[in-house]
Amino acid sequence: MKNTAILPGLCLGLALLPAAFAGAKDGTLDVYWIDSEGGGSTLIVTPAGESVLIDTGNPGGRDPGRIVAAAKAAGLERLDYVLLTHYHVDHFGGGAEVAAQLPVGAIYERGIPPGDPDGRTPSTFPLQIKPWRDLPVRREKLAPGVVLPLRAAPGGAAFELRCLAADQRQVAPTAAQLRVTNSRPLPPPPHAVDPTDNDNSAVFLLSFGGFRFFDGGDLTWDREARLVSPHNVVGPVDVYQTDHHGLEVSNNPVLLQSLAPTVCVMNNGPTKGGKPETFAGLKTVASLQALYQVHKSMNVSAAANAPDEFIANLEEFKPADGCPGNLIKLSVAPDGRSYTVTVPARGHARTYATTTK
């Protein structure tokens, strides 16, 4: 991994760690990866102080509690928007419990399916989805091209959160994108990919000045390839959140190489996600300078993981062990030209230059 674009870094002393969660907005864009033990829960606080939660983790108290704690530590008293990528319980399951503790302004989702989205019979889906379905919150339709109505900070860099794909449809390439054909060969998937609601995942691109962040939910191998081949409708990004928690049926090397991220954040659990094939695929990305992980992966050797200072949770915690649920935070400077990734539990922070235009 190259280090040429890393700005002078710093390691935060433990006494300074609370500053990483300061609630007062200073024009930065903040992104928090909350530990859902391999579920989905990414919290965004905009430069104007609005909040967006992408996915809500699992039900049962643990994940909703971590989401609410992170939101309150960030100075939030409500969630303006909750976005749902797809209808698997590790992504929608904590939503009702979160909403019981923090007011939610609106939910953006693809549309609740009438039956099990994976076609299972019998299915636990009707019971699992009921608390989410019954939430008395305004609902908006997610579709390719939808842009969230978020305010820009006065005098700040241009800001946008846009849906690029959903329900196996995607935005059309721009005129500039049509002029470039992606010649990277499409490798076959390492394992058979069963059709599930993962294929329908909503995909988001967050832009702030020159900074760009990609969140593809649990998008799978073939759908990932369609985003960038024959035409790359995403373009290069600064930060890539691993699709599907770092599982091998996602994170197609063609997608990784086409997005050319500087930083990757793997929202994995100790044994869920973080597969050898994904680590190998990331090594083919010439632009990648750093990999951050919510958990050390027990699916690969210690040496295959990122260095410990880049990993929020290091041990393979069992339920009775009380995993601390440490998170990862990213802050983009008000001008969008640099961003700092912090792992508070490790006392680590490093600043990177924005490379996309």
Protein backbone atom coordinates (compact mmCIF):
# COMPACT_ATOMS: atom_id res chain seq x y z
CA MET A 1 0.00 0.00 0.00
CA LYS A 2 1.41 3.37 -1.03
CA ASN A 3 1.80 6.17 1.49
CA THR A 4 2.54 9.07 -0.78
CA ALA A 5 -0.70 11.00 -0.18
CA ILE A 6 -0.80 10.62 3.60
CA LEU A 7 -0.63 13.97 5.34
CA PRO A 8 1.39 14.29 8.53
CA GLY A 9 -0.35 11.85 10.87
CA LEU A 10 -0.86 11.90 14.57
CA CYS A 11 -1.76 9.47 17.29
CA LEU A 12 -4.29 10.70 19.80
CA GLY A 13 -3.41 10.28 23.43
CA LEU A 14 -6.08 8.61 25.51
CA ALA A 15 -6.80 11.87 27.30
CA LEU A 16 -7.74 13.46 23.97
CA LEU A 17 -10.09 10.74 22.78
CA PRO A 18 -13.34 12.39 23.96
CA ALA A 19 -12.67 15.18 21.45
CA ALA A 20 -13.27 12.61 18.71
CA PHE A 21 -16.93 12.64 19.70
CA ALA A 22 -17.44 16.38 20.18
CA GLY A 23 -20.99 17.32 19.32
CA ALA A 24 -20.48 20.95 18.26
CA LYS A 25 -20.39 21.17 14.45
CA ASP A 26 -17.35 22.87 12.97
CA GLY A 27 -18.14 22.43 9.30
CA THR A 28 -16.76 18.90 9.05
CA LEU A 29 -18.48 15.89 7.52
CA ASP A 30 -18.37 13.02 10.03
CA VAL A 31 -18.91 9.32 9.36
CA TYR A 32 -19.08 6.68 12.11
CA TRP A 33 -18.84 2.93 11.55
CA ILE A 34 -20.70 1.43 14.51
CA ASP A 35 -19.97 -2.13 15.59
CA SER A 36 -22.98 -4.29 14.70
CA GLU A 37 -20.85 -7.46 14.86
CA GLY A 38 -20.98 -7.84 11.08
CA GLY A 39 -24.30 -6.05 10.60
CA GLY A 40 -24.83 -2.70 8.93
CA SER A 41 -24.88 0.65 10.76
CA THR A 42 -23.10 3.68 9.31
CA LEU A 43 -23.89 7.07 10.85
CA ILE A 44 -23.31 10.31 8.93
CA VAL A 45 -23.37 13.80 10.45
CA THR A 46 -23.38 16.44 7.74
CA PRO A 47 -21.50 19.76 7.77
CA ALA A 48 -24.85 21.46 8.47
CA GLY A 49 -25.45 19.21 11.49
CA GLU A 50 -28.08 16.94 9.94
CA SER A 51 -27.87 13.20 10.55
CA VAL A 52 -28.27 10.13 8.35
CA LEU A 53 -28.15 6.52 9.55
CA ILE A 54 -27.58 3.93 6.83
CA ASP A 55 -28.93 0.62 8.17
CA THR A 56 -29.75 -0.15 11.79
CA GLY A 57 -27.95 -3.34 12.81
CA ASN A 58 -29.57 -6.32 14.51
CA PRO A 59 -32.47 -6.31 16.99
CA GLY A 60 -32.02 -7.28 20.62
CA GLY A 61 -30.65 -4.22 22.39
CA ARG A 62 -26.94 -4.48 21.65
CA ASP A 63 -26.74 -2.85 18.23
CA PRO A 64 -29.48 -0.24 18.81
CA GLY A 65 -27.75 0.68 22.08
CA ARG A 66 -24.45 1.20 20.31
CA ILE A 67 -26.08 3.28 17.58
CA VAL A 68 -27.87 5.50 20.08
CA ALA A 69 -24.73 5.90 22.20
CA ALA A 70 -22.70 6.94 19.15
CA ALA A 71 -25.39 9.38 18.04
CA LYS A 72 -25.62 11.02 21.44
CA ALA A 73 -21.83 11.20 21.75
CA ALA A 74 -21.88 12.99 18.39
CA GLY A 75 -24.26 15.55 19.90
CA LEU A 76 -27.40 14.31 18.14
CA GLU A 77 -30.87 14.47 19.65
CA ARG A 78 -32.61 12.95 16.62
CA LEU A 79 -31.94 11.14 13.38
CA ASP A 80 -33.11 13.23 10.46
CA TYR A 81 -33.02 10.33 7.99
CA VAL A 82 -32.70 6.56 8.18
CA LEU A 83 -31.74 4.82 4.92
CA LEU A 84 -32.23 1.09 4.45
CA THR A 85 -30.14 -0.73 1.88
CA HIS A 86 -32.09 -4.02 1.90
CA TYR A 87 -34.40 -6.29 3.87
CA HIS A 88 -32.10 -8.53 5.88
CA VAL A 89 -32.47 -8.45 9.66
CA ASP A 90 -28.87 -7.38 10.32
CA HIS A 91 -29.68 -4.17 8.42
CA PHE A 92 -33.28 -3.33 9.43
CA GLY A 93 -33.61 -5.26 12.70
CA GLY A 94 -32.50 -2.54 15.11
CA GLY A 95 -34.57 0.22 13.55
CA ALA A 96 -37.61 0.10 15.82
CA GLU A 97 -35.45 0.05 18.95
CA VAL A 98 -33.38 2.98 17.72
CA ALA A 99 -36.53 4.96 16.87
CA ALA A 100 -37.87 4.30 20.38
CA GLN A 101 -34.86 6.16 21.79
CA LEU A 102 -34.20 8.82 19.14
CA PRO A 103 -36.86 10.59 17.04
CA VAL A 104 -36.57 9.77 13.32
CA GLY A 105 -37.55 12.35 10.71
CA ALA A 106 -37.99 10.11 7.67
CA ILE A 107 -37.15 6.65 6.37
CA TYR A 108 -35.89 6.12 2.83
CA GLU A 109 -36.30 2.54 1.60
CA ARG A 110 -36.91 0.56 -1.56
CA GLY A 111 -40.37 -0.71 -0.52
CA ILE A 112 -41.09 -3.52 1.93
CA PRO A 113 -41.58 -6.79 0.02
CA PRO A 114 -44.90 -8.59 0.50
CA GLY A 115 -43.17 -11.85 1.42
CA ASP A 116 -39.75 -13.19 2.30
CA PRO A 117 -37.32 -11.28 0.05
CA ASP A 118 -35.19 -14.42 -0.35
CA GLY A 119 -38.13 -16.69 -1.15
CA ARG A 120 -37.75 -18.85 1.96
CA THR A 121 -40.66 -20.98 3.18
CA PRO A 122 -41.33 -21.15 6.03
CA SER A 123 -39.87 -17.76 6.92
CA THR A 124 -39.26 -15.66 10.02
CA PHE A 125 -39.35 -12.50 7.88
CA PRO A 126 -42.98 -11.52 8.66
CA LEU A 127 -42.23 -11.46 12.41
CA GLN A 128 -38.84 -9.78 11.95
CA ILE A 129 -40.13 -6.99 9.71
CA LYS A 130 -43.24 -6.14 11.76
CA PRO A 131 -41.58 -3.67 14.20
CA TRP A 132 -39.94 -1.91 11.26
CA ARG A 133 -43.13 -1.93 9.18
CA ASP A 134 -45.16 -0.53 12.09
CA LEU A 135 -42.90 2.46 12.77
CA PRO A 136 -45.03 5.64 12.57
CA VAL A 137 -42.44 7.48 10.48
CA ARG A 138 -42.74 9.22 7.10
CA ARG A 139 -41.53 6.92 4.31
CA GLU A 140 -39.86 7.90 1.05
CA LYS A 141 -39.03 5.73 -1.95
CA LEU A 142 -35.39 4.91 -2.68
CA ALA A 143 -34.61 4.60 -6.38
CA PRO A 144 -31.59 5.24 -8.60
CA GLY A 145 -30.98 8.97 -8.89
CA VAL A 146 -32.71 9.98 -5.65
CA VAL A 147 -30.79 12.72 -3.81
CA LEU A 148 -31.49 13.26 -0.13
CA PRO A 149 -32.77 16.79 0.65
CA LEU A 150 -29.86 17.65 2.92
CA ARG A 151 -28.80 21.23 3.58
CA ALA A 152 -25.37 22.50 2.64
CA ALA A 153 -23.40 24.33 5.32
CA PRO A 154 -23.21 28.10 4.66
CA GLY A 155 -20.01 28.82 2.79
CA GLY A 156 -18.98 25.15 2.82
CA ALA A 157 -18.03 22.80 0.02
CA ALA A 158 -20.73 21.28 -2.20
CA PHE A 159 -22.47 18.36 -0.49
CA GLU A 160 -24.62 15.50 -1.83
CA LEU A 161 -25.84 12.02 -0.80
CA ARG A 162 -27.18 10.22 -3.86
CA CYS A 163 -28.64 6.78 -4.51
CA LEU A 164 -26.84 5.20 -7.46
CA ALA A 165 -28.59 1.83 -7.61
CA ALA A 166 -31.49 -0.11 -6.09
CA ASP A 167 -33.67 -3.08 -7.03
CA GLN A 168 -31.11 -4.22 -9.63
CA ARG A 169 -31.36 -0.90 -11.49
CA GLN A 170 -28.78 1.86 -11.60
CA VAL A 171 -28.28 5.42 -12.80
CA ALA A 172 -27.35 5.93 -16.42
CA PRO A 173 -23.73 6.84 -17.15
CA THR A 174 -22.98 10.47 -17.81
CA ALA A 175 -21.74 11.64 -21.19
CA ALA A 176 -18.19 11.70 -19.82
CA GLN A 177 -18.54 8.18 -18.42
CA LEU A 178 -19.89 6.88 -21.75
CA ARG A 179 -16.70 8.02 -23.46
CA VAL A 180 -14.62 5.59 -21.35
CA THR A 181 -15.01 1.81 -21.56
CA ASN A 182 -13.77 -0.27 -18.66
CA SER A 183 -11.47 -2.87 -20.21
CA ARG A 184 -10.77 -4.78 -17.00
CA PRO A 185 -11.63 -8.46 -17.48
CA LEU A 186 -14.56 -9.70 -15.38
CA PRO A 187 -13.45 -12.67 -13.24
CA PRO A 188 -15.94 -15.39 -12.36
CA PRO A 189 -17.25 -15.30 -8.78
CA PRO A 190 -15.23 -17.44 -6.34
CA HIS A 191 -18.41 -19.17 -5.17
CA ALA A 192 -21.95 -19.51 -6.44
CA VAL A 193 -24.02 -16.47 -5.50
CA ASP A 194 -27.58 -17.41 -4.60
CA PRO A 195 -30.17 -14.76 -5.55
CA THR A 196 -31.27 -12.93 -2.41
CA ASP A 197 -32.27 -9.39 -1.46
CA ASN A 198 -28.55 -8.60 -1.33
CA ASP A 199 -28.77 -8.24 -5.12
CA ASN A 200 -31.34 -5.48 -4.63
CA SER A 201 -29.22 -3.42 -2.22
CA ALA A 202 -29.43 0.33 -2.46
CA VAL A 203 -26.06 1.91 -3.28
CA PHE A 204 -25.02 5.38 -2.09
CA LEU A 205 -22.37 7.91 -3.07
CA LEU A 206 -21.60 10.65 -0.54
CA SER A 207 -19.78 13.70 -1.95
CA PHE A 208 -18.36 16.69 -0.09
CA GLY A 209 -16.18 18.96 -2.18
CA GLY A 210 -13.62 16.62 -3.69
CA PHE A 211 -14.27 13.87 -1.10
CA ARG A 212 -16.29 10.80 -2.18
CA PHE A 213 -17.48 7.83 -0.09
CA PHE A 214 -19.11 4.65 -1.44
CA ASP A 215 -21.58 2.50 0.54
CA GLY A 216 -22.98 -0.44 -1.42
CA GLY A 217 -24.82 -2.30 1.35
CA ASP A 218 -24.60 -6.04 0.68
CA LEU A 219 -24.36 -5.77 -3.11
CA THR A 220 -23.02 -9.01 -4.64
CA TRP A 221 -20.38 -9.87 -7.23
CA ASP A 222 -22.27 -9.59 -10.53
CA ARG A 223 -24.24 -6.48 -9.53
CA GLU A 224 -21.00 -4.81 -8.44
CA ALA A 225 -19.50 -5.45 -11.88
CA ARG A 226 -22.49 -3.80 -13.60
CA LEU A 227 -21.79 -0.57 -11.70
CA VAL A 228 -18.37 -0.18 -13.28
CA SER A 229 -18.49 -2.19 -16.52
CA PRO A 230 -18.66 -1.44 -19.37
CA HIS A 231 -18.99 2.11 -17.99
CA ASN A 232 -18.08 3.22 -14.47
CA VAL A 233 -21.17 5.06 -13.15
CA VAL A 234 -19.54 5.56 -9.74
CA GLY A 235 -16.14 6.97 -10.63
CA PRO A 236 -13.14 7.03 -8.30
CA VAL A 237 -13.74 7.39 -4.57
CA ASP A 238 -11.64 8.25 -1.56
CA VAL A 239 -13.22 5.80 0.89
CA TYR A 240 -14.81 2.42 0.19
CA GLN A 241 -16.90 0.58 2.77
CA THR A 242 -16.58 -3.11 1.98
CA ASP A 243 -19.72 -4.53 0.46
CA HIS A 244 -21.41 -7.30 2.44
CA HIS A 245 -19.09 -6.95 5.45
CA GLY A 246 -16.10 -8.20 3.46
CA LEU A 247 -17.65 -11.49 2.29
CA GLU A 248 -16.18 -13.29 -0.71
CA VAL A 249 -19.40 -13.30 -2.76
CA SER A 250 -19.05 -9.51 -2.87
CA ASN A 251 -16.10 -7.11 -3.27
CA ASN A 252 -15.46 -7.97 -6.90
CA PRO A 253 -11.86 -6.96 -7.72
CA VAL A 254 -13.15 -5.16 -10.83
CA LEU A 255 -15.25 -2.92 -8.59
CA LEU A 256 -12.38 -2.37 -6.15
CA GLN A 257 -9.90 -1.48 -8.86
CA SER A 258 -12.37 0.74 -10.72
CA LEU A 259 -13.29 2.73 -7.60
CA ALA A 260 -9.58 3.09 -6.74
CA PRO A 261 -10.09 4.04 -3.08
CA THR A 262 -7.38 5.47 -0.87
CA VAL A 263 -8.97 4.06 2.32
CA CYS A 264 -11.13 0.99 2.86
CA VAL A 265 -13.26 0.40 5.98
CA MET A 266 -14.40 -3.18 6.59
CA ASN A 267 -17.57 -3.31 8.70
CA ASN A 268 -17.06 -6.95 9.65
CA GLY A 269 -17.53 -9.07 12.75
CA PRO A 270 -14.90 -11.39 14.22
CA THR A 271 -16.14 -14.34 12.13
CA LYS A 272 -18.75 -12.73 9.84
CA GLY A 273 -17.19 -11.18 6.77
CA GLY A 274 -13.49 -10.50 6.47
CA LYS A 275 -12.89 -13.44 4.13
CA PRO A 276 -9.50 -14.34 2.59
CA GLU A 277 -10.71 -13.59 -0.94
CA THR A 278 -11.64 -10.04 0.04
CA PHE A 279 -8.28 -9.35 1.66
CA ALA A 280 -6.62 -10.73 -1.49
CA GLY A 281 -8.80 -8.54 -3.71
CA LEU A 282 -7.90 -5.42 -1.75
CA LYS A 283 -4.22 -6.13 -2.35
CA THR A 284 -4.83 -5.68 -6.08
CA VAL A 285 -5.91 -2.05 -5.55
CA ALA A 286 -2.82 0.02 -6.31
CA SER A 287 -4.31 3.22 -4.87
CA LEU A 288 -5.12 1.73 -1.45
CA GLN A 289 -3.12 3.26 1.40
CA ALA A 290 -4.93 1.91 4.44
CA LEU A 291 -7.42 -0.76 5.48
CA TYR A 292 -9.46 -0.21 8.65
CA GLN A 293 -11.52 -2.96 10.27
CA VAL A 294 -14.30 -2.83 12.84
CA HIS A 295 -13.11 -6.27 14.03
CA LYS A 296 -10.00 -8.34 13.60
CA SER A 297 -11.05 -11.16 11.29
CA MET A 298 -10.67 -14.66 12.66
CA ASN A 299 -11.20 -16.02 9.12
CA VAL A 300 -7.62 -15.14 8.13
CA SER A 301 -4.23 -15.20 9.80
CA ALA A 302 -3.20 -12.39 12.12
CA ALA A 303 -0.70 -11.24 9.50
CA ALA A 304 -3.44 -10.92 6.85
CA ASN A 305 -5.39 -8.45 8.98
CA ALA A 306 -4.62 -4.75 9.10
CA PRO A 307 -2.17 -3.63 11.81
CA ASP A 308 -3.78 -3.59 15.25
CA GLU A 309 -3.91 0.22 15.43
CA PHE A 310 -6.26 0.18 12.40
CA ILE A 311 -8.71 -2.29 14.02
CA ALA A 312 -11.38 -1.11 16.46
CA ASN A 313 -12.01 -4.49 18.17
CA LEU A 314 -9.14 -6.95 18.41
CA GLU A 315 -10.45 -10.04 20.19
CA GLU A 316 -12.93 -12.74 19.20
CA PHE A 317 -15.54 -11.83 21.77
CA LYS A 318 -18.28 -14.28 22.62
CA PRO A 319 -21.70 -12.93 23.67
CA ALA A 320 -20.89 -13.40 27.34
CA ASP A 321 -17.55 -11.60 27.00
CA GLY A 322 -19.14 -8.19 26.53
CA CYS A 323 -17.38 -6.91 23.40
CA PRO A 324 -16.78 -3.18 23.94
CA GLY A 325 -18.26 -2.37 20.53
CA ASN A 326 -15.57 0.14 19.58
CA LEU A 327 -16.19 2.22 16.47
CA ILE A 328 -14.25 3.95 13.70
CA LYS A 329 -14.74 7.63 12.86
CA LEU A 330 -13.89 9.68 9.78
CA SER A 331 -13.96 13.49 9.61
CA VAL A 332 -13.65 15.43 6.37
CA ALA A 333 -12.22 18.94 6.59
CA PRO A 334 -14.66 21.80 5.79
CA ASP A 335 -12.98 22.42 2.43
CA GLY A 336 -13.25 18.71 1.48
CA ARG A 337 -9.53 18.49 0.72
CA SER A 338 -8.48 16.12 3.49
CA TYR A 339 -9.99 13.68 5.95
CA THR A 340 -8.91 12.05 9.18
CA VAL A 341 -9.72 8.47 10.20
CA THR A 342 -9.74 7.85 13.93
CA VAL A 343 -9.82 4.59 15.89
CA PRO A 344 -10.44 5.97 19.39
CA ALA A 345 -9.93 2.65 21.19
CA ARG A 346 -6.44 2.34 19.70
CA GLY A 347 -5.45 5.99 20.14
CA HIS A 348 -4.95 6.19 16.38
CA ALA A 349 -5.69 8.98 13.91
CA ARG A 350 -4.29 9.54 10.44
CA THR A 351 -5.02 12.24 7.90
CA TYR A 352 -5.25 11.62 4.16
CA ALA A 353 -5.40 13.99 1.21
CA THR A 354 -8.53 13.88 -0.91
CA THR A 355 -7.56 12.60 -4.33
CA THR A 356 -10.79 12.63 -6.37
CA LYS A 357 -12.03 15.70 -8.21
